[in-house]
Protein backbone atom coordinates (compact mmCIF):
# COMPACT_ATOMS: atom_id res chain seq x y z
CA MET A 1 -38.55 195.64 145.57
CA LYS A 2 -38.01 197.94 142.84
CA ALA A 3 -34.64 198.08 140.49
CA THR A 4 -33.11 200.49 138.30
CA LEU A 5 -30.91 199.68 135.47
CA MET A 6 -28.55 202.24 134.27
CA ILE A 7 -25.78 201.49 131.35
CA LEU A 8 -22.84 203.93 131.76
CA GLY A 9 -20.17 204.98 129.19
CA THR A 10 -21.93 203.84 126.18
CA THR A 11 -25.13 204.58 123.93
CA ALA A 12 -27.91 202.69 122.63
CA SER A 13 -27.00 200.86 119.59
CA GLU A 14 -27.69 197.50 117.17
CA GLN A 15 -24.70 195.84 119.08
CA THR A 16 -26.22 196.66 122.68
CA ALA A 17 -30.17 195.99 121.58
CA THR A 18 -29.87 191.93 122.20
CA PHE A 19 -27.93 192.11 125.36
CA GLU A 20 -30.51 194.80 126.64
CA GLU A 21 -33.28 192.54 125.84
CA ILE A 22 -31.63 189.66 127.95
CA LEU A 23 -30.87 192.04 131.05
CA LYS A 24 -34.81 193.08 130.66
CA LYS A 25 -35.92 189.54 130.57
CA THR A 26 -33.51 188.64 133.62
CA PHE A 27 -34.36 191.61 135.95
CA GLY A 28 -38.15 192.32 134.52
CA PRO A 29 -39.85 190.89 137.40
CA VAL A 30 -38.27 193.85 139.80
CA MET A 31 -37.86 196.52 137.43
CA LYS A 32 -39.75 199.76 137.43
CA LYS A 33 -43.20 199.91 135.69
CA ASP A 34 -41.96 201.21 132.46
CA GLY A 35 -39.46 198.63 132.17
CA THR A 36 -36.40 201.05 130.39
CA VAL A 37 -32.88 200.58 130.55
CA ASP A 38 -31.24 204.13 130.50
CA TYR A 39 -27.97 204.73 128.58
CA PHE A 40 -25.49 207.57 129.63
CA PRO A 41 -22.18 208.11 127.91
CA THR A 42 -20.74 209.78 130.85
CA LEU A 43 -21.72 209.68 134.55
CA LYS A 44 -22.19 213.21 134.68
CA GLU A 45 -25.12 212.65 132.34
CA ALA A 46 -26.44 210.39 134.85
CA THR A 47 -26.74 212.55 137.84
CA GLY A 48 -30.45 213.57 137.40
CA ALA A 49 -31.33 210.07 136.58
CA ILE A 50 -29.31 208.80 139.48
CA GLY A 51 -30.87 211.09 142.06
CA LYS A 52 -34.29 209.96 140.95
CA ALA A 53 -33.36 206.36 141.07
CA PHE A 54 -32.43 206.62 144.79
CA SER A 55 -35.77 208.23 145.55
CA ASP A 56 -38.01 205.31 144.12
CA SER A 57 -35.88 202.41 143.85
CA ASP A 58 -34.41 199.72 146.34
CA THR A 59 -31.46 198.65 143.99
CA ILE A 60 -29.66 200.42 141.40
CA LEU A 61 -27.60 198.39 138.93
CA PHE A 62 -25.02 200.22 137.17
CA PHE A 63 -23.24 198.66 134.15
CA SER A 64 -20.27 200.35 132.57
CA ASP A 65 -18.29 199.67 129.24
CA ILE A 66 -15.39 197.96 130.34
CA HIS A 67 -13.28 200.52 128.46
CA LYS A 68 -14.12 203.18 131.00
CA TYR A 69 -14.66 200.70 133.92
CA ALA A 70 -11.94 202.17 136.01
CA GLU A 71 -12.93 205.67 135.46
CA THR A 72 -16.56 204.90 136.47
CA LYS A 73 -15.51 202.94 139.76
CA GLU A 74 -13.56 205.99 140.87
CA ILE A 75 -16.17 208.82 139.87
CA LEU A 76 -19.14 206.76 141.35
CA CYS A 77 -17.73 205.91 144.51
CA LYS A 78 -16.66 209.60 145.01
CA ALA A 79 -20.48 210.72 144.30
CA LEU A 80 -21.74 208.18 146.41
CA GLY A 81 -19.22 208.84 149.41
CA LEU A 82 -18.15 205.00 148.99
CA GLU A 83 -14.34 204.06 149.87
CA LEU A 84 -12.67 202.58 146.99
CA THR A 85 -10.01 200.22 147.89
CA VAL A 86 -8.05 197.47 146.06
CA ASP A 87 -8.55 193.84 146.92
CA GLU A 88 -5.09 192.30 147.10
CA ALA A 89 -6.51 188.69 146.39
CA LEU A 90 -8.28 190.01 143.21
CA LEU A 91 -5.27 191.96 142.10
CA SER A 92 -3.11 188.67 142.22
CA GLY A 93 -5.60 186.85 140.35
CA ALA A 94 -5.92 189.42 137.97
CA LEU A 95 -1.94 189.60 137.56
CA ARG A 96 -2.12 185.70 136.81
CA SER A 97 -4.72 185.86 134.19
CA SER A 98 -3.98 189.04 132.42
CA SER A 99 -1.61 189.79 129.31
CA ASP A 100 1.41 192.11 129.79
CA GLU A 101 -0.15 194.69 127.63
CA GLN A 102 -3.20 194.78 130.28
CA GLN A 103 -0.95 195.23 133.16
CA GLU A 104 0.94 198.08 131.71
CA GLU A 105 -2.36 200.14 131.75
CA LEU A 106 -1.88 202.81 134.53
CA SER A 107 -5.73 201.91 136.01
CA PHE A 108 -5.15 198.34 135.88
CA ASN A 109 -5.31 197.79 139.78
CA VAL A 110 -8.60 199.90 140.14
CA CYS A 111 -10.28 198.58 136.94
CA HIS A 112 -9.94 194.72 137.70
CA ALA A 113 -9.31 194.88 141.65
CA GLY A 114 -11.08 198.00 142.88
CA VAL A 115 -14.06 197.43 145.02
CA ALA A 116 -16.17 199.51 147.79
CA ALA A 117 -14.94 199.04 151.32
CA GLY A 118 -17.39 196.82 152.99
CA GLY A 119 -19.35 195.56 149.93
CA ASP A 120 -19.70 191.83 148.37
CA VAL A 121 -17.28 191.10 145.38
CA PHE A 122 -18.55 189.82 142.01
CA SER A 123 -15.50 188.40 140.35
CA LEU A 124 -15.14 185.40 137.66
CA THR A 125 -12.20 182.96 137.93
CA ASP A 126 -10.01 185.36 136.03
CA CYS A 127 -10.49 188.35 138.64
CA LEU A 128 -10.47 190.77 135.68
CA TYR A 129 -13.16 193.74 135.85
CA SER A 130 -14.44 192.70 138.98
CA GLY A 131 -17.70 194.20 140.33
CA PHE A 132 -19.30 194.64 143.54
CA ALA A 133 -22.43 195.36 145.69
CA VAL A 134 -22.75 197.53 148.73
CA LYS A 135 -25.50 199.11 151.09
CA ARG A 136 -26.03 202.82 150.86
CA GLY A 137 -28.79 203.44 153.37
CA ARG A 138 -31.89 201.73 152.45
CA GLN A 139 -30.38 201.23 148.94
CA THR A 140 -28.00 198.70 147.58
CA VAL A 141 -25.79 199.70 144.91
CA MET A 142 -24.18 197.48 142.55
CA LEU A 143 -21.65 197.93 139.66
CA LEU A 144 -20.86 195.35 136.96
CA PRO A 145 -19.10 195.40 133.66
CA PHE A 146 -20.98 195.62 130.38
CA GLU A 147 -19.60 193.11 128.10
CA GLU A 148 -22.10 190.16 127.16
CA SER A 149 -20.59 187.24 128.17
CA ARG A 150 -18.64 188.27 130.95
CA THR A 151 -21.58 190.01 132.35
CA THR A 152 -23.78 186.96 131.50
CA ALA A 153 -21.48 185.03 133.64
CA LEU A 154 -21.45 187.31 136.45
CA VAL A 155 -25.16 188.07 136.55
CA GLY A 156 -25.97 183.94 136.23
CA ASN A 157 -23.59 182.71 138.76
CA LEU A 158 -23.21 185.27 141.40
CA VAL A 159 -25.57 188.40 141.22
CA ILE A 160 -29.10 186.19 140.99
CA PRO A 161 -28.15 184.15 143.69
CA TYR A 162 -26.91 187.28 145.94
CA MET A 163 -30.35 189.08 145.04
CA ASN A 164 -32.65 185.86 145.69
CA GLU A 165 -30.77 185.07 148.83
CA ARG A 166 -30.43 188.87 150.43
CA MET A 167 -33.29 190.46 148.97
CA GLY A 168 -35.86 187.76 148.78
CA THR A 169 -36.31 188.00 144.90
CA GLU A 170 -37.07 185.20 142.81
CA LEU A 171 -35.21 185.80 139.50
CA SER A 172 -34.21 182.94 137.18
CA SER A 173 -31.35 182.92 134.93
CA ALA A 174 -33.27 181.12 132.24
CA ALA A 175 -33.21 184.22 130.02
CA LEU A 176 -29.32 184.46 130.39
CA GLN A 177 -28.55 180.62 129.67
CA TYR A 178 -31.18 179.87 127.02
CA PHE A 179 -31.93 183.34 125.38
CA TYR A 180 -30.18 182.33 121.96
CA GLY A 181 -31.50 178.61 121.84
CA GLU A 182 -35.26 180.36 122.27
CA LYS A 183 -34.10 182.78 119.44
CA LEU A 184 -32.78 179.78 117.39
CA TRP A 185 -35.99 178.18 117.67
CA ALA A 186 -38.17 181.06 116.64
CA SER A 187 -35.76 181.11 113.63
CA VAL A 188 -36.15 177.50 113.02
CA LYS A 189 -39.79 177.43 113.36
CA ARG A 190 -40.46 180.44 110.85
CA GLU A 191 -38.57 178.95 108.18
CA LYS A 192 -39.70 175.20 108.58
CA ILE A 193 -36.07 173.87 108.33
CA LYS A 194 -34.28 171.24 109.97
CA ILE A 195 -30.45 170.86 110.99
CA ALA A 196 -27.56 168.68 110.91
CA ILE A 197 -24.80 168.39 113.79
CA ALA A 198 -21.87 166.23 113.25
CA GLY A 199 -21.49 163.87 115.95
CA THR A 200 -18.52 164.45 118.57
CA ARG A 201 -18.26 164.72 122.04
CA ALA A 202 -19.27 168.34 122.06
CA SER A 203 -22.63 167.50 120.25
CA GLU A 204 -23.67 165.55 123.02
CA ILE A 205 -23.74 168.58 125.17
CA PHE A 206 -25.24 170.78 122.57
CA MET A 207 -27.92 168.36 122.45
CA LYS A 208 -28.31 168.37 126.09
CA TYR A 209 -28.39 172.20 125.98
CA VAL A 210 -31.12 172.45 123.32
CA SER A 211 -33.26 169.56 125.40
CA PHE A 212 -35.14 172.67 127.12
CA SER A 213 -37.35 172.85 124.01
CA ARG A 214 -38.65 169.35 122.77
CA GLU A 215 -39.86 170.88 119.26
CA LEU A 216 -36.42 172.39 118.91
CA THR A 217 -34.65 169.06 119.76
CA ASN A 218 -36.87 167.14 117.15
CA ARG A 219 -35.49 169.76 114.34
CA ILE A 220 -31.71 168.92 115.11
CA LEU A 221 -30.41 165.69 113.27
CA LEU A 222 -27.42 163.95 114.87
CA VAL A 223 -24.87 162.47 112.41
CA ASN A 224 -23.72 159.55 114.25
CA LYS A 225 -20.39 159.13 111.99
CA ALA A 226 -17.69 161.70 112.18
CA GLU A 227 -14.18 161.37 110.42
CA ASN A 228 -11.09 161.34 112.66
CA ARG A 229 -9.58 164.63 112.91
CA GLY A 230 -5.94 163.04 112.62
CA ASN A 231 -3.28 166.00 112.03
CA MET A 232 -5.89 168.40 110.80
CA PRO A 233 -6.19 171.80 112.69
CA PRO A 234 -9.16 172.03 114.69
CA ASN A 235 -10.67 175.03 112.90
CA GLU A 236 -10.42 173.28 109.58
CA TYR A 237 -11.55 169.97 111.15
CA VAL A 238 -14.89 171.43 112.14
CA VAL A 239 -15.55 173.11 108.83
CA ASN A 240 -15.32 169.85 107.15
CA LEU A 241 -17.77 168.29 109.86
CA SER A 242 -20.38 170.86 109.23
CA ILE A 243 -20.18 170.19 105.57
CA THR A 244 -20.60 166.65 105.77
CA ALA A 245 -23.31 166.74 108.26
CA ALA A 246 -25.58 168.76 105.75
CA GLU A 247 -24.70 167.01 102.88
CA PHE A 248 -25.28 163.46 104.60
CA MET A 249 -28.40 164.55 106.19
CA GLY A 250 -29.75 166.50 103.16
CA VAL A 251 -30.77 169.32 104.96
CA PRO A 252 -29.87 173.29 104.37
CA TYR A 253 -27.91 173.73 107.38
CA GLY A 254 -24.72 171.96 108.88
CA ILE A 255 -23.50 172.98 112.30
CA ALA A 256 -20.12 171.20 114.29
CA MET A 257 -18.46 172.24 117.59
CA SER A 258 -14.94 171.17 118.34
CA ASN A 259 -13.63 170.06 121.76
CA ALA A 260 -12.17 172.56 124.14
CA TYR A 261 -8.31 173.01 123.12
CA TYR A 262 -5.80 174.80 125.47
CA SER A 263 -2.15 175.80 125.01
CA GLY A 264 0.82 174.62 127.12
CA ASP A 265 0.74 172.25 130.34
CA ASP A 266 -1.91 174.43 132.04
CA PRO A 267 -5.27 173.10 132.16
CA SER A 268 -6.87 176.12 133.73
CA SER A 269 -5.48 178.65 131.10
CA VAL A 270 -7.63 179.95 128.25
CA LYS A 271 -9.32 177.35 126.30
CA THR A 272 -10.81 177.52 122.95
CA VAL A 273 -13.85 176.14 121.03
CA TYR A 274 -14.27 176.37 117.33
CA ILE A 275 -18.15 176.42 116.13
CA THR A 276 -19.33 176.29 112.39
CA VAL A 277 -22.66 176.63 110.40
CA THR A 278 -22.60 175.46 106.82
CA ASN A 279 -25.30 176.97 104.33
CA ASP A 280 -25.57 176.37 100.66
CA ALA A 281 -23.05 179.11 100.09
CA GLU A 282 -20.41 179.19 102.58
CA THR A 283 -19.13 177.93 106.18
CA THR A 284 -18.85 180.45 108.99
CA VAL A 285 -16.49 179.56 111.99
CA ARG A 286 -16.40 181.72 115.23
CA GLU A 287 -13.89 181.12 117.64
CA ILE A 288 -14.69 181.19 121.54
CA ARG A 289 -12.44 181.80 124.41
CA SER A 290 -12.83 180.60 127.90
CA PHE A 291 -12.24 183.00 130.89
CA TYR A 292 -9.09 181.91 132.84
CA GLY A 293 -10.06 179.23 135.14
CA GLU A 294 -13.24 178.78 134.02
CA SER A 295 -14.32 175.02 134.17
CA THR A 296 -14.62 172.95 130.86
CA GLY A 297 -18.30 172.25 131.65
CA GLU A 298 -19.07 175.47 132.21
CA PHE A 299 -17.10 176.89 129.09
CA LEU A 300 -19.00 174.43 126.82
CA PHE A 301 -22.22 175.17 128.03
CA ARG A 302 -21.50 178.74 127.03
CA CYS A 303 -20.26 177.67 123.60
CA CYS A 304 -23.58 175.90 123.09
CA SER A 305 -25.48 179.14 123.49
CA GLU A 306 -23.13 180.83 121.12
CA GLN A 307 -23.63 178.01 118.67
CA CYS A 308 -27.33 178.99 118.75
CA ARG A 309 -26.66 182.53 118.54
CA LEU A 310 -24.58 182.04 115.50
CA LEU A 311 -26.93 179.54 113.72
CA SER A 312 -30.02 181.83 114.08
CA GLU A 313 -27.98 184.77 112.74
CA VAL A 314 -27.12 182.75 109.52
CA ILE A 315 -30.73 181.41 109.13
CA ASP A 316 -32.50 184.95 109.72
CA ALA A 317 -29.46 186.48 107.12
CA ASP A 318 -30.32 184.01 104.60
CA ALA A 319 -34.20 184.36 104.89
CA GLY A 320 -33.48 188.23 104.41
CA LEU A 321 -31.73 187.76 101.33
CA ILE A 322 -34.28 185.76 99.71
CA LYS A 323 -37.04 188.30 100.66
CA ARG A 324 -34.85 190.83 99.11
CA GLU A 325 -34.15 189.13 96.15
CA ALA A 326 -37.89 187.75 95.63
CA PRO A 327 -39.50 189.86 92.70
CA GLU A 328 -42.07 192.24 93.97
CA GLU A 329 -45.93 191.32 92.52
CA LYS A 330 -47.56 194.06 90.37
CA LYS A 331 -51.16 194.33 90.06
CA PRO A 332 -52.50 194.46 86.64
CA ALA A 333 -52.96 198.33 85.58
CA ARG A 334 -55.35 198.07 82.60
CA THR A 335 -56.71 201.51 82.49
CA GLY A 336 -53.12 202.84 82.40
CA LYS A 337 -52.11 200.52 79.79
CA TYR A 338 -54.75 201.53 77.21
CA LYS A 339 -54.53 205.30 77.99
CA ALA A 340 -50.68 204.61 77.05
CA LEU A 341 -51.58 203.02 73.74
CA ILE A 342 -54.14 205.65 72.84
CA ALA A 343 -51.77 208.42 73.60
CA VAL A 344 -49.27 207.02 71.27
CA LEU A 345 -51.58 206.37 68.61
CA VAL A 346 -52.79 210.14 68.79
CA ALA A 347 -49.19 211.10 68.72
CA LEU A 348 -48.60 209.48 65.48
CA ILE A 349 -51.63 210.53 63.73
CA LEU A 350 -50.70 214.18 64.84
CA LEU A 351 -47.16 213.61 63.50
CA VAL A 352 -48.46 212.07 59.99
CA CYS A 353 -50.95 214.91 59.71
CA ALA A 354 -48.23 217.64 60.30
CA GLY A 355 -45.78 215.89 58.23
CA GLY A 356 -48.51 215.81 55.20
CA GLY A 357 -49.46 219.61 55.76
CA TYR A 358 -45.89 220.78 55.39
CA TYR A 359 -45.29 218.59 52.48
CA PHE A 360 -48.34 220.04 50.72
CA HIS A 361 -47.45 223.40 51.65
CA SER A 362 -43.87 223.17 50.40
CA HIS A 363 -44.92 221.82 47.01
CA SER A 364 -48.03 223.81 46.47
CA TYR A 365 -50.12 220.84 46.57
CA THR A 366 -53.93 220.50 47.02
CA LEU A 367 -55.69 217.37 48.34
CA LYS A 368 -57.39 217.21 44.95
CA ASN A 369 -53.95 217.16 43.05
CA TRP A 370 -52.57 214.66 45.21
CA VAL A 371 -55.76 212.49 44.54
CA ASN A 372 -55.52 212.70 41.09
CA SER A 373 -51.65 211.63 40.91
CA TYR A 374 -51.79 208.96 43.58
CA LEU A 375 -55.38 207.66 43.72
CA PRO A 376 -56.66 208.15 40.19
CA PHE A 377 -59.46 205.55 40.71
CA LEU A 378 -60.96 207.69 43.39
CA SER A 379 -60.46 210.70 41.27
CA ALA A 380 -62.36 209.21 38.47
CA SER A 381 -65.39 207.96 40.55
CA GLU A 382 -65.42 211.37 41.87
CA GLU A 383 -65.83 212.90 38.51
CA SER A 384 -68.36 210.35 37.34
CA GLY A 385 -70.52 211.30 40.31
CA SER A 386 -69.92 215.09 39.76
CA SER A 387 -71.45 214.46 36.06
CA ALA A 388 -74.56 212.73 37.35
CA ASP A 389 -75.21 215.30 39.61
CA GLY A 390 -75.09 218.06 37.07
CA GLU A 391 -77.59 216.32 35.02
CA ALA A 392 -80.02 216.03 38.00
CA SER A 393 -79.75 219.70 38.70
CA ASN A 394 -80.44 220.83 34.95
CA GLY A 395 -83.54 218.61 34.88
CA GLU A 396 -84.99 220.49 38.28
CA ALA A 397 -84.10 223.77 36.22
CA SER A 398 -86.17 223.07 33.20
CA THR A 399 -89.02 222.18 35.51
CA GLU A 400 -89.29 225.32 37.65
CA ALA A 401 -87.51 228.21 35.54
CA PRO A 402 -90.40 229.38 33.43
CA GLY A 403 -92.40 230.56 36.68
CA GLY A 404 -89.05 231.67 38.58
CA ASN A 405 -87.94 233.73 35.69
CA THR A 406 -91.43 235.17 34.70
CA SER A 407 -91.69 236.34 38.21
CA GLU A 408 -88.28 237.63 38.35
CA GLU A 409 -88.62 239.77 35.22
CA ASP A 410 -91.89 241.05 36.36
CA ALA A 411 -90.49 242.37 39.73
CA THR A 412 -87.65 243.86 37.76
CA ASN A 413 -90.26 245.68 35.22
CA GLY A 414 -92.34 246.88 38.04
């Protein structure tokens, strides 16, 4: 089996890179050899690639940006000759779990409940942004929303089981479930650190989540005691827990995860979990929301993945900051240092000579005048030496003069 993955309505960016990597790890065993995931801002730009995909792939998975999801459904179904219908059961569920603002959108019905006639539906418990799979000749076409948390749940819970059962594949959801746990282990191993987690009911679920890696489990220290929340808001409570955990265990990072809270009296409504990471400088808080109707167990499992994601991001950011602030090593450059010193000395000598020359010239001085005025001892020694030289010269003349003078006079007379 060969599968092609296309992402529509957006372009590749830093925000999409991580999720693209997750998709590659998940569908890698059935993807084409080059293993690429293609991005197309519009469906029109994807026309050529779609034609090629139908010629060399058994399955084409389209992922559409959720902001253009309804438009993509309509154009894609029309282009492939598929009948787009609105599933009433999905529409009812979408109306129940959506906000009034969402329901005012003109494309609401198609966006959330539009499916290809005769196909199989992929939908979460909130019935929002439903996808589908449909056979077209020998190929299977799938359309799913492109939004990490939602797409991860759809692919892991529905798409992979569908492909393994219908197409004979042996795909695993491990990359979807434990990608950020693996990423955390890589960061912890690289930095050689340990983490403290505050002991709450949620921490037991987190420790179970990271048990996929014994090495990572050994690096996470559980603080068994935790103060009661009392009337403190849950987001503030987890901040105190993570700070206390790091300080109590004497490690650079502390983490905490709250229980799942829901508003009102409906347990199936949207729940909220707060996760925190404390380092030496600050505590980072992130709010995670469930899908409407998502079970507490599934939601908390997903929160464990998000906790690993946040912690690895903080560790990597700290490591990058330390690297940027570290002074660069400078190699000794003796030759350059000596050259610079020599150049300075030469410049000073030239400056002194130039100044002296200008002074002598402007005052009609000679070097001898200057010596007589400022170095009399040197002048006296010079005069003494000159006198001695004169006497020696006269002696030599008395020895040679007679012969020399006679010869000179003879030549003149001649």
